Amino acid sequence: QYAYGLGIRTLVVGVGDFADAVTACDSYTRCG
């Protein structure tokens, strides 16, 4: 959000097992 405020767009590529990452994450955290 800070970068966007400077006029910079951030595009994020997740490689690996992001599809299953939520299973290894604390239930209170938005993962994967």
PDB file of all heavy atoms in Angstrom:
ATOM      1  N   GLN A   1       0.831  -1.205   0.000  1.00  0.00           N
ATOM      2  CA  GLN A   1       0.000   0.000   0.000  1.00  0.00           C
ATOM      3  C   GLN A   1       0.868   1.258   0.000  1.00  0.00           C
ATOM      4  O   GLN A   1       0.539   2.250  -0.662  1.00  0.00           O
ATOM      5  CB  GLN A   1      -0.943  -0.013   1.205  1.00  0.00           C
ATOM      6  CG  GLN A   1      -2.021  -1.085   1.097  1.00  0.00           C
ATOM      7  CD  GLN A   1      -2.856  -1.222   2.360  1.00  0.00           C
ATOM      8  OE1 GLN A   1      -2.393  -0.929   3.470  1.00  0.00           O
ATOM      9  NE2 GLN A   1      -4.096  -1.674   2.205  1.00  0.00           N
ATOM     10  N   TYR A   2       1.965   1.224   0.712  1.00  0.00           N
ATOM     11  CA  TYR A   2       2.918   2.341   0.703  1.00  0.00           C
ATOM     12  C   TYR A   2       3.464   2.555  -0.712  1.00  0.00           C
ATOM     13  O   TYR A   2       3.527   3.691  -1.210  1.00  0.00           O
ATOM     14  CB  TYR A   2       4.055   2.042   1.678  1.00  0.00           C
ATOM     15  CG  TYR A   2       5.273   2.913   1.530  1.00  0.00           C
ATOM     16  CD1 TYR A   2       5.288   4.219   2.019  1.00  0.00           C
ATOM     17  CD2 TYR A   2       6.424   2.428   0.905  1.00  0.00           C
ATOM     18  CE1 TYR A   2       6.418   5.024   1.883  1.00  0.00           C
ATOM     19  CE2 TYR A   2       7.551   3.224   0.771  1.00  0.00           C
ATOM     20  CZ  TYR A   2       7.544   4.517   1.260  1.00  0.00           C
ATOM     21  OH  TYR A   2       8.659   5.302   1.116  1.00  0.00           O
ATOM     22  N   ALA A   3       3.851   1.473  -1.376  1.00  0.00           N
ATOM     23  CA  ALA A   3       4.372   1.583  -2.741  1.00  0.00           C
ATOM     24  C   ALA A   3       3.318   2.162  -3.674  1.00  0.00           C
ATOM     25  O   ALA A   3       3.615   3.028  -4.510  1.00  0.00           O
ATOM     26  CB  ALA A   3       4.839   0.212  -3.236  1.00  0.00           C
ATOM     27  N   TYR A   4       2.076   1.705  -3.526  1.00  0.00           N
ATOM     28  CA  TYR A   4       1.012   2.215  -4.389  1.00  0.00           C
ATOM     29  C   TYR A   4       0.814   3.713  -4.168  1.00  0.00           C
ATOM     30  O   TYR A   4       0.549   4.460  -5.113  1.00  0.00           O
ATOM     31  CB  TYR A   4      -0.291   1.464  -4.120  1.00  0.00           C
ATOM     32  CG  TYR A   4      -1.394   1.846  -5.071  1.00  0.00           C
ATOM     33  CD1 TYR A   4      -1.428   1.342  -6.364  1.00  0.00           C
ATOM     34  CD2 TYR A   4      -2.398   2.740  -4.684  1.00  0.00           C
ATOM     35  CE1 TYR A   4      -2.430   1.712  -7.248  1.00  0.00           C
ATOM     36  CE2 TYR A   4      -3.405   3.118  -5.563  1.00  0.00           C
ATOM     37  CZ  TYR A   4      -3.412   2.604  -6.845  1.00  0.00           C
ATOM     38  OH  TYR A   4      -4.402   2.988  -7.728  1.00  0.00           O
ATOM     39  N   GLY A   5       0.962   4.163  -2.936  1.00  0.00           N
ATOM     40  CA  GLY A   5       0.867   5.583  -2.651  1.00  0.00           C
ATOM     41  C   GLY A   5       1.944   6.397  -3.337  1.00  0.00           C
ATOM     42  O   GLY A   5       1.770   7.604  -3.560  1.00  0.00           O
ATOM     43  N   LEU A   6       3.056   5.774  -3.679  1.00  0.00           N
ATOM     44  CA  LEU A   6       4.137   6.440  -4.417  1.00  0.00           C
ATOM     45  C   LEU A   6       3.957   6.322  -5.930  1.00  0.00           C
ATOM     46  O   LEU A   6       4.810   6.768  -6.694  1.00  0.00           O
ATOM     47  CB  LEU A   6       5.494   5.837  -4.031  1.00  0.00           C
ATOM     48  CG  LEU A   6       5.934   6.003  -2.581  1.00  0.00           C
ATOM     49  CD1 LEU A   6       7.282   5.302  -2.364  1.00  0.00           C
ATOM     50  CD2 LEU A   6       6.029   7.467  -2.185  1.00  0.00           C
ATOM     51  N   GLY A   7       2.856   5.700  -6.355  1.00  0.00           N
ATOM     52  CA  GLY A   7       2.629   5.513  -7.785  1.00  0.00           C
ATOM     53  C   GLY A   7       3.253   4.258  -8.339  1.00  0.00           C
ATOM     54  O   GLY A   7       3.483   4.155  -9.551  1.00  0.00           O
ATOM     55  N   ILE A   8       3.533   3.280  -7.483  1.00  0.00           N
ATOM     56  CA  ILE A   8       4.191   2.036  -7.890  1.00  0.00           C
ATOM     57  C   ILE A   8       3.243   0.876  -7.653  1.00  0.00           C
ATOM     58  O   ILE A   8       2.753   0.684  -6.539  1.00  0.00           O
ATOM     59  CB  ILE A   8       5.486   1.817  -7.084  1.00  0.00           C
ATOM     60  CG1 ILE A   8       6.456   2.989  -7.280  1.00  0.00           C
ATOM     61  CG2 ILE A   8       6.149   0.489  -7.467  1.00  0.00           C
ATOM     62  CD1 ILE A   8       7.543   3.056  -6.235  1.00  0.00           C
ATOM     63  N   ARG A   9       2.976   0.100  -8.676  1.00  0.00           N
ATOM     64  CA  ARG A   9       2.118  -1.070  -8.524  1.00  0.00           C
ATOM     65  C   ARG A   9       2.957  -2.314  -8.239  1.00  0.00           C
ATOM     66  O   ARG A   9       4.010  -2.497  -8.846  1.00  0.00           O
ATOM     67  CB  ARG A   9       1.261  -1.258  -9.773  1.00  0.00           C
ATOM     68  CG  ARG A   9       0.074  -0.301  -9.793  1.00  0.00           C
ATOM     69  CD  ARG A   9      -0.493  -0.105 -11.165  1.00  0.00           C
ATOM     70  NE  ARG A   9       0.323   0.824 -11.944  1.00  0.00           N
ATOM     71  CZ  ARG A   9      -0.033   1.333 -13.113  1.00  0.00           C
ATOM     72  NH1 ARG A   9      -1.186   0.970 -13.641  1.00  0.00           N
ATOM     73  NH2 ARG A   9       0.745   2.169 -13.748  1.00  0.00           N
ATOM     74  N   THR A  10       2.482  -3.128  -7.320  1.00  0.00           N
ATOM     75  CA  THR A  10       3.196  -4.338  -6.913  1.00  0.00           C
ATOM     76  C   THR A  10       2.423  -5.562  -7.377  1.00  0.00           C
ATOM     77  O   THR A  10       1.257  -5.745  -7.018  1.00  0.00           O
ATOM     78  CB  THR A  10       3.366  -4.388  -5.382  1.00  0.00           C
ATOM     79  OG1 THR A  10       4.068  -3.212  -4.944  1.00  0.00           O
ATOM     80  CG2 THR A  10       4.147  -5.628  -4.967  1.00  0.00           C
ATOM     81  N   LEU A  11       3.066  -6.398  -8.173  1.00  0.00           N
ATOM     82  CA  LEU A  11       2.492  -7.645  -8.671  1.00  0.00           C
ATOM     83  C   LEU A  11       3.297  -8.784  -8.068  1.00  0.00           C
ATOM     84  O   LEU A  11       4.519  -8.783  -8.147  1.00  0.00           O
ATOM     85  CB  LEU A  11       2.558  -7.693 -10.200  1.00  0.00           C
ATOM     86  CG  LEU A  11       2.064  -6.424 -10.921  1.00  0.00           C
ATOM     87  CD1 LEU A  11       2.246  -6.571 -12.426  1.00  0.00           C
ATOM     88  CD2 LEU A  11       0.624  -6.120 -10.575  1.00  0.00           C
ATOM     89  N   VAL A  12       2.611  -9.735  -7.439  1.00  0.00           N
ATOM     90  CA  VAL A  12       3.307 -10.767  -6.673  1.00  0.00           C
ATOM     91  C   VAL A  12       3.076 -12.136  -7.289  1.00  0.00           C
ATOM     92  O   VAL A  12       1.936 -12.559  -7.488  1.00  0.00           O
ATOM     93  CB  VAL A  12       2.847 -10.784  -5.204  1.00  0.00           C
ATOM     94  CG1 VAL A  12       3.627 -11.824  -4.414  1.00  0.00           C
ATOM     95  CG2 VAL A  12       3.024  -9.413  -4.574  1.00  0.00           C
ATOM     96  N   VAL A  13       4.143 -12.837  -7.586  1.00  0.00           N
ATOM     97  CA  VAL A  13       4.089 -14.197  -8.111  1.00  0.00           C
ATOM     98  C   VAL A  13       4.475 -15.157  -6.992  1.00  0.00           C
ATOM     99  O   VAL A  13       5.568 -15.047  -6.434  1.00  0.00           O
ATOM    100  CB  VAL A  13       5.063 -14.369  -9.292  1.00  0.00           C
ATOM    101  CG1 VAL A  13       5.009 -15.797  -9.815  1.00  0.00           C
ATOM    102  CG2 VAL A  13       4.758 -13.369 -10.391  1.00  0.00           C
ATOM    103  N   GLY A  14       3.590 -16.089  -6.674  1.00  0.00           N
ATOM    104  CA  GLY A  14       3.908 -17.104  -5.683  1.00  0.00           C
ATOM    105  C   GLY A  14       4.247 -18.417  -6.355  1.00  0.00           C
ATOM    106  O   GLY A  14       3.421 -18.987  -7.068  1.00  0.00           O
ATOM    107  N   VAL A  15       5.461 -18.924  -6.177  1.00  0.00           N
ATOM    108  CA  VAL A  15       5.867 -20.193  -6.768  1.00  0.00           C
ATOM    109  C   VAL A  15       5.959 -21.249  -5.675  1.00  0.00           C
ATOM    110  O   VAL A  15       6.180 -20.941  -4.506  1.00  0.00           O
ATOM    111  CB  VAL A  15       7.214 -20.073  -7.507  1.00  0.00           C
ATOM    112  CG1 VAL A  15       7.089 -19.102  -8.671  1.00  0.00           C
ATOM    113  CG2 VAL A  15       8.321 -19.643  -6.567  1.00  0.00           C
ATOM    114  N   GLY A  16       5.791 -22.500  -6.049  1.00  0.00           N
ATOM    115  CA  GLY A  16       5.899 -23.580  -5.081  1.00  0.00           C
ATOM    116  C   GLY A  16       4.546 -24.087  -4.635  1.00  0.00           C
ATOM    117  O   GLY A  16       3.616 -24.202  -5.429  1.00  0.00           O
ATOM    118  N   ASP A  17       4.410 -24.349  -3.340  1.00  0.00           N
ATOM    119  CA  ASP A  17       3.197 -25.006  -2.845  1.00  0.00           C
ATOM    120  C   ASP A  17       2.217 -24.032  -2.206  1.00  0.00           C
ATOM    121  O   ASP A  17       1.547 -24.351  -1.241  1.00  0.00           O
ATOM    122  CB  ASP A  17       3.556 -26.117  -1.857  1.00  0.00           C
ATOM    123  CG  ASP A  17       4.287 -25.582  -0.629  1.00  0.00           C
ATOM    124  OD1 ASP A  17       4.621 -24.386  -0.612  1.00  0.00           O
ATOM    125  OD2 ASP A  17       4.519 -26.379   0.299  1.00  0.00           O
ATOM    126  N   PHE A  18       2.100 -22.840  -2.742  1.00  0.00           N
ATOM    127  CA  PHE A  18       1.146 -21.884  -2.204  1.00  0.00           C
ATOM    128  C   PHE A  18      -0.269 -22.439  -2.169  1.00  0.00           C
ATOM    129  O   PHE A  18      -1.076 -22.065  -1.315  1.00  0.00           O
ATOM    130  CB  PHE A  18       1.152 -20.593  -3.031  1.00  0.00           C
ATOM    131  CG  PHE A  18       1.936 -19.477  -2.413  1.00  0.00           C
ATOM    132  CD1 PHE A  18       3.142 -19.071  -2.944  1.00  0.00           C
ATOM    133  CD2 PHE A  18       1.459 -18.819  -1.295  1.00  0.00           C
ATOM    134  CE1 PHE A  18       3.864 -18.039  -2.382  1.00  0.00           C
ATOM    135  CE2 PHE A  18       2.169 -17.782  -0.718  1.00  0.00           C
ATOM    136  CZ  PHE A  18       3.371 -17.387  -1.261  1.00  0.00           C
ATOM    137  N   ALA A  19      -0.593 -23.311  -3.085  1.00  0.00           N
ATOM    138  CA  ALA A  19      -1.944 -23.876  -3.115  1.00  0.00           C
ATOM    139  C   ALA A  19      -2.272 -24.614  -1.832  1.00  0.00           C
ATOM    140  O   ALA A  19      -3.426 -24.662  -1.403  1.00  0.00           O
ATOM    141  CB  ALA A  19      -2.092 -24.818  -4.307  1.00  0.00           C
ATOM    142  N   ASP A  20      -1.264 -25.198  -1.173  1.00  0.00           N
ATOM    143  CA  ASP A  20      -1.484 -25.968   0.041  1.00  0.00           C
ATOM    144  C   ASP A  20      -0.954 -25.275   1.289  1.00  0.00           C
ATOM    145  O   ASP A  20      -1.026 -25.818   2.386  1.00  0.00           O
ATOM    146  CB  ASP A  20      -0.802 -27.343  -0.076  1.00  0.00           C
ATOM    147  CG  ASP A  20      -1.316 -28.123  -1.272  1.00  0.00           C
ATOM    148  OD1 ASP A  20      -2.531 -28.118  -1.500  1.00  0.00           O
ATOM    149  OD2 ASP A  20      -0.489 -28.725  -1.973  1.00  0.00           O
ATOM    150  N   ALA A  21      -0.412 -24.057   1.126  1.00  0.00           N
ATOM    151  CA  ALA A  21       0.258 -23.406   2.243  1.00  0.00           C
ATOM    152  C   ALA A  21      -0.681 -23.116   3.399  1.00  0.00           C
ATOM    153  O   ALA A  21      -0.275 -23.094   4.561  1.00  0.00           O
ATOM    154  CB  ALA A  21       0.903 -22.101   1.772  1.00  0.00           C
ATOM    155  N   VAL A  22      -1.962 -22.897   3.108  1.00  0.00           N
ATOM    156  CA  VAL A  22      -2.907 -22.550   4.164  1.00  0.00           C
ATOM    157  C   VAL A  22      -3.041 -23.658   5.200  1.00  0.00           C
ATOM    158  O   VAL A  22      -3.355 -23.406   6.368  1.00  0.00           O
ATOM    159  CB  VAL A  22      -4.277 -22.185   3.548  1.00  0.00           C
ATOM    160  CG1 VAL A  22      -4.951 -23.412   2.968  1.00  0.00           C
ATOM    161  CG2 VAL A  22      -5.175 -21.511   4.577  1.00  0.00           C
ATOM    162  N   THR A  23      -2.787 -24.895   4.805  1.00  0.00           N
ATOM    163  CA  THR A  23      -2.930 -26.013   5.742  1.00  0.00           C
ATOM    164  C   THR A  23      -1.856 -26.002   6.816  1.00  0.00           C
ATOM    165  O   THR A  23      -2.038 -26.584   7.883  1.00  0.00           O
ATOM    166  CB  THR A  23      -2.884 -27.355   4.984  1.00  0.00           C
ATOM    167  OG1 THR A  23      -1.610 -27.481   4.333  1.00  0.00           O
ATOM    168  CG2 THR A  23      -3.989 -27.436   3.943  1.00  0.00           C
ATOM    169  N   ALA A  24      -0.743 -25.331   6.549  1.00  0.00           N
ATOM    170  CA  ALA A  24       0.352 -25.283   7.508  1.00  0.00           C
ATOM    171  C   ALA A  24       0.395 -23.947   8.251  1.00  0.00           C
ATOM    172  O   ALA A  24       1.366 -23.632   8.919  1.00  0.00           O
ATOM    173  CB  ALA A  24       1.680 -25.516   6.792  1.00  0.00           C
ATOM    174  N   CYS A  25      -0.675 -23.173   8.136  1.00  0.00           N
ATOM    175  CA  CYS A  25      -0.700 -21.823   8.660  1.00  0.00           C
ATOM    176  C   CYS A  25      -1.636 -21.743   9.864  1.00  0.00           C
ATOM    177  O   CYS A  25      -2.638 -22.460   9.941  1.00  0.00           O
ATOM    178  CB  CYS A  25      -1.196 -20.884   7.564  1.00  0.00           C
ATOM    179  SG  CYS A  25      -1.037 -19.150   7.961  1.00  0.00           S
ATOM    180  N   ASP A  26      -1.311 -20.865  10.806  1.00  0.00           N
ATOM    181  CA  ASP A  26      -2.177 -20.625  11.954  1.00  0.00           C
ATOM    182  C   ASP A  26      -3.560 -20.187  11.473  1.00  0.00           C
ATOM    183  O   ASP A  26      -3.683 -19.416  10.528  1.00  0.00           O
ATOM    184  CB  ASP A  26      -1.555 -19.545  12.842  1.00  0.00           C
ATOM    185  CG  ASP A  26      -2.295 -19.373  14.151  1.00  0.00           C
ATOM    186  OD1 ASP A  26      -3.376 -18.764  14.125  1.00  0.00           O
ATOM    187  OD2 ASP A  26      -1.792 -19.840  15.187  1.00  0.00           O
ATOM    188  N   SER A  27      -4.586 -20.662  12.131  1.00  0.00           N
ATOM    189  CA  SER A  27      -5.953 -20.376  11.691  1.00  0.00           C
ATOM    190  C   SER A  27      -6.298 -18.894  11.774  1.00  0.00           C
ATOM    191  O   SER A  27      -7.277 -18.450  11.170  1.00  0.00           O
ATOM    192  CB  SER A  27      -6.951 -21.176  12.525  1.00  0.00           C
ATOM    193  OG  SER A  27      -6.838 -20.846  13.899  1.00  0.00           O
ATOM    194  N   TYR A  28      -5.518 -18.107  12.513  1.00  0.00           N
ATOM    195  CA  TYR A  28      -5.784 -16.684  12.644  1.00  0.00           C
ATOM    196  C   TYR A  28      -5.039 -15.846  11.607  1.00  0.00           C
ATOM    197  O   TYR A  28      -5.123 -14.618  11.624  1.00  0.00           O
ATOM    198  CB  TYR A  28      -5.388 -16.196  14.039  1.00  0.00           C
ATOM    199  CG  TYR A  28      -6.143 -16.862  15.153  1.00  0.00           C
ATOM    200  CD1 TYR A  28      -5.502 -17.214  16.339  1.00  0.00           C
ATOM    201  CD2 TYR A  28      -7.495 -17.163  15.036  1.00  0.00           C
ATOM    202  CE1 TYR A  28      -6.187 -17.831  17.380  1.00  0.00           C
ATOM    203  CE2 TYR A  28      -8.195 -17.780  16.063  1.00  0.00           C
ATOM    204  CZ  TYR A  28      -7.534 -18.105  17.235  1.00  0.00           C
ATOM    205  OH  TYR A  28      -8.222 -18.714  18.256  1.00  0.00           O
ATOM    206  N   THR A  29      -4.311 -16.503  10.713  1.00  0.00           N
ATOM    207  CA  THR A  29      -3.490 -15.795   9.741  1.00  0.00           C
ATOM    208  C   THR A  29      -3.940 -16.147   8.329  1.00  0.00           C
ATOM    209  O   THR A  29      -4.160 -17.306   8.006  1.00  0.00           O
ATOM    210  CB  THR A  29      -2.005 -16.177   9.911  1.00  0.00           C
ATOM    211  OG1 THR A  29      -1.622 -15.948  11.266  1.00  0.00           O
ATOM    212  CG2 THR A  29      -1.128 -15.353   8.990  1.00  0.00           C
ATOM    213  N   ARG A  30      -4.078 -15.140   7.478  1.00  0.00           N
ATOM    214  CA  ARG A  30      -4.439 -15.374   6.075  1.00  0.00           C
ATOM    215  C   ARG A  30      -3.170 -15.743   5.309  1.00  0.00           C
ATOM    216  O   ARG A  30      -2.355 -14.881   4.974  1.00  0.00           O
ATOM    217  CB  ARG A  30      -5.095 -14.132   5.476  1.00  0.00           C
ATOM    218  CG  ARG A  30      -6.538 -13.956   5.945  1.00  0.00           C
ATOM    219  CD  ARG A  30      -7.118 -12.638   5.462  1.00  0.00           C
ATOM    220  NE  ARG A  30      -7.147 -12.506   4.016  1.00  0.00           N
ATOM    221  CZ  ARG A  30      -8.086 -13.017   3.219  1.00  0.00           C
ATOM    222  NH1 ARG A  30      -9.078 -13.757   3.740  1.00  0.00           N
ATOM    223  NH2 ARG A  30      -8.053 -12.818   1.924  1.00  0.00           N
ATOM    224  N   CYS A  31      -3.011 -17.030   5.054  1.00  0.00           N
ATOM    225  CA  CYS A  31      -1.819 -17.538   4.380  1.00  0.00           C
ATOM    226  C   CYS A  31      -2.165 -18.054   2.989  1.00  0.00           C
ATOM    227  O   CYS A  31      -3.332 -18.131   2.610  1.00  0.00           O
ATOM    228  CB  CYS A  31      -1.187 -18.658   5.198  1.00  0.00           C
ATOM    229  SG  CYS A  31      -0.458 -18.110   6.749  1.00  0.00           S
ATOM    230  N   GLY A  32      -1.142 -18.464   2.272  1.00  0.00           N
ATOM    231  CA  GLY A  32      -1.332 -19.087   0.974  1.00  0.00           C
ATOM    232  C   GLY A  32      -2.141 -18.210   0.036  1.00  0.00           C
ATOM    233  O   GLY A  32      -1.860 -17.022  -0.136  1.00  0.00           O
TER     234      GLY A  32
END
